Amino acid sequence: MSHYPVEVQFVSEAGKPPIKGHIGKLAEIGFVMKMDVVHYFKVAEIHNAEIFFHDSKVPLRVRCKVIKTYDILEKLNKNEKVKLLAVEMHFVNMEPQNKKRLLKILGST
């Protein structure tokens, strides 16, 4: 069973809705995701993320640092293209129990 795509959301300031995306590549060091909405992350920013795995109702809560951002043009058909935003993030000071859970999930993919 494939774990991808994995949903992720970033909790922003109080009163604002979370920023959502989908992780396409997950590794021990971090992840690469596509955004559901246009939101521009800046390199070196730190964000609080909640990662939702298919086999768990409890999200993995982690802090992430923006490493790189990508603008991607995806072709819908011959005449139509859509601009997607992708972001590479690395985990920052992950708690031991979260690291253990992540490694277990990565081992089962």
Protein backbone atom coordinates (compact mmCIF):
# COMPACT_ATOMS: atom_id res chain seq x y z
CA MET A 1 0.00 0.00 0.00
CA SER A 2 1.34 3.41 -0.93
CA HIS A 3 1.47 6.11 1.71
CA TYR A 4 1.60 8.93 -0.87
CA PRO A 5 0.45 11.57 -1.17
CA VAL A 6 0.54 12.45 2.52
CA GLU A 7 -1.44 15.45 3.69
CA VAL A 8 0.36 18.22 5.55
CA GLN A 9 -0.87 21.46 7.03
CA PHE A 10 0.85 24.43 8.56
CA VAL A 11 -0.72 26.20 11.49
CA SER A 12 -0.42 29.93 10.99
CA GLU A 13 -1.34 32.90 13.13
CA ALA A 14 -4.39 32.68 15.37
CA GLY A 15 -7.63 33.04 13.49
CA LYS A 16 -6.17 32.22 10.07
CA PRO A 17 -6.97 28.92 8.34
CA PRO A 18 -4.12 26.39 8.03
CA ILE A 19 -2.06 26.24 4.84
CA LYS A 20 -2.46 22.79 3.26
CA GLY A 21 -0.33 20.73 0.92
CA HIS A 22 0.52 17.18 -0.15
CA ILE A 23 3.86 15.50 0.48
CA GLY A 24 5.14 13.67 -2.57
CA LYS A 25 8.49 12.63 -1.14
CA LEU A 26 9.19 11.93 2.53
CA ALA A 27 12.59 11.11 4.01
CA GLU A 28 14.25 11.01 7.42
CA ILE A 29 15.63 14.51 6.90
CA GLY A 30 12.43 16.16 5.59
CA PHE A 31 10.01 16.28 2.67
CA VAL A 32 9.02 17.85 -0.64
CA MET A 33 5.42 18.95 -1.03
CA LYS A 34 3.03 20.58 -3.49
CA MET A 35 0.78 23.31 -2.21
CA ASP A 36 -3.02 23.29 -2.46
CA VAL A 37 -3.17 27.09 -2.48
CA VAL A 38 -0.85 29.86 -3.54
CA HIS A 39 1.27 30.61 -0.51
CA TYR A 40 4.83 31.77 -0.84
CA PHE A 41 7.25 30.31 1.68
CA LYS A 42 10.59 32.01 2.16
CA VAL A 43 13.86 30.10 2.42
CA ALA A 44 15.05 29.70 6.04
CA GLU A 45 11.59 30.28 7.56
CA ILE A 46 10.61 27.92 10.37
CA HIS A 47 7.05 26.52 10.41
CA ASN A 48 4.98 24.20 12.60
CA ALA A 49 3.58 21.35 10.54
CA GLU A 50 1.07 18.59 11.11
CA ILE A 51 1.57 15.54 8.88
CA PHE A 52 -1.43 13.23 8.48
CA PHE A 53 -0.64 9.60 7.62
CA HIS A 54 -3.35 7.32 6.18
CA ASP A 55 -3.04 4.75 8.95
CA SER A 56 -3.25 7.15 11.91
CA LYS A 57 -5.76 9.66 13.22
CA VAL A 58 -3.03 11.44 15.20
CA PRO A 59 -0.89 13.80 13.11
CA LEU A 60 2.88 13.94 13.42
CA ARG A 61 3.59 17.46 14.75
CA VAL A 62 7.01 18.79 13.76
CA ARG A 63 8.93 21.99 13.17
CA CYS A 64 10.29 22.45 9.65
CA LYS A 65 12.70 24.80 7.92
CA VAL A 66 12.17 25.91 4.33
CA ILE A 67 15.19 24.79 2.28
CA LYS A 68 14.10 25.44 -1.30
CA THR A 69 11.02 26.55 -3.23
CA TYR A 70 10.03 25.54 -6.77
CA ASP A 71 7.60 26.93 -9.32
CA ILE A 72 6.25 24.09 -11.45
CA LEU A 73 4.15 24.33 -14.59
CA GLU A 74 1.92 21.30 -14.97
CA LYS A 75 0.13 20.65 -18.25
CA LEU A 76 -3.57 19.91 -17.85
CA ASN A 77 -4.17 19.47 -21.58
CA LYS A 78 -2.83 20.84 -24.90
CA ASN A 79 -3.92 24.40 -24.26
CA GLU A 80 -4.00 24.67 -20.50
CA LYS A 81 -1.22 24.81 -17.91
CA VAL A 82 -1.44 25.39 -14.20
CA LYS A 83 1.27 26.81 -11.94
CA LEU A 84 2.01 24.75 -8.84
CA LEU A 85 4.24 25.63 -5.96
CA ALA A 86 6.51 23.01 -4.41
CA VAL A 87 8.54 23.40 -1.25
CA GLU A 88 11.41 21.38 0.20
CA MET A 89 11.50 21.37 4.00
CA HIS A 90 13.81 19.78 6.54
CA PHE A 91 12.85 18.77 10.06
CA VAL A 92 14.22 20.91 12.89
CA ASN A 93 14.99 19.46 16.35
CA MET A 94 12.57 16.57 15.99
CA GLU A 95 11.56 14.99 19.31
CA PRO A 96 12.82 11.40 19.77
CA GLN A 97 9.32 9.86 19.83
CA ASN A 98 8.42 11.66 16.58
CA LYS A 99 11.67 10.52 14.95
CA LYS A 100 10.96 6.93 16.00
CA ARG A 101 7.43 7.14 14.57
CA LEU A 102 8.70 8.63 11.30
CA LEU A 103 11.35 5.91 10.91
CA LYS A 104 8.72 3.24 11.49
CA ILE A 105 6.49 4.78 8.81
CA LEU A 106 9.41 5.10 6.36
CA GLY A 107 10.32 1.46 6.99
CA SER A 108 6.84 0.33 6.00
CA THR A 109 6.75 2.12 2.61
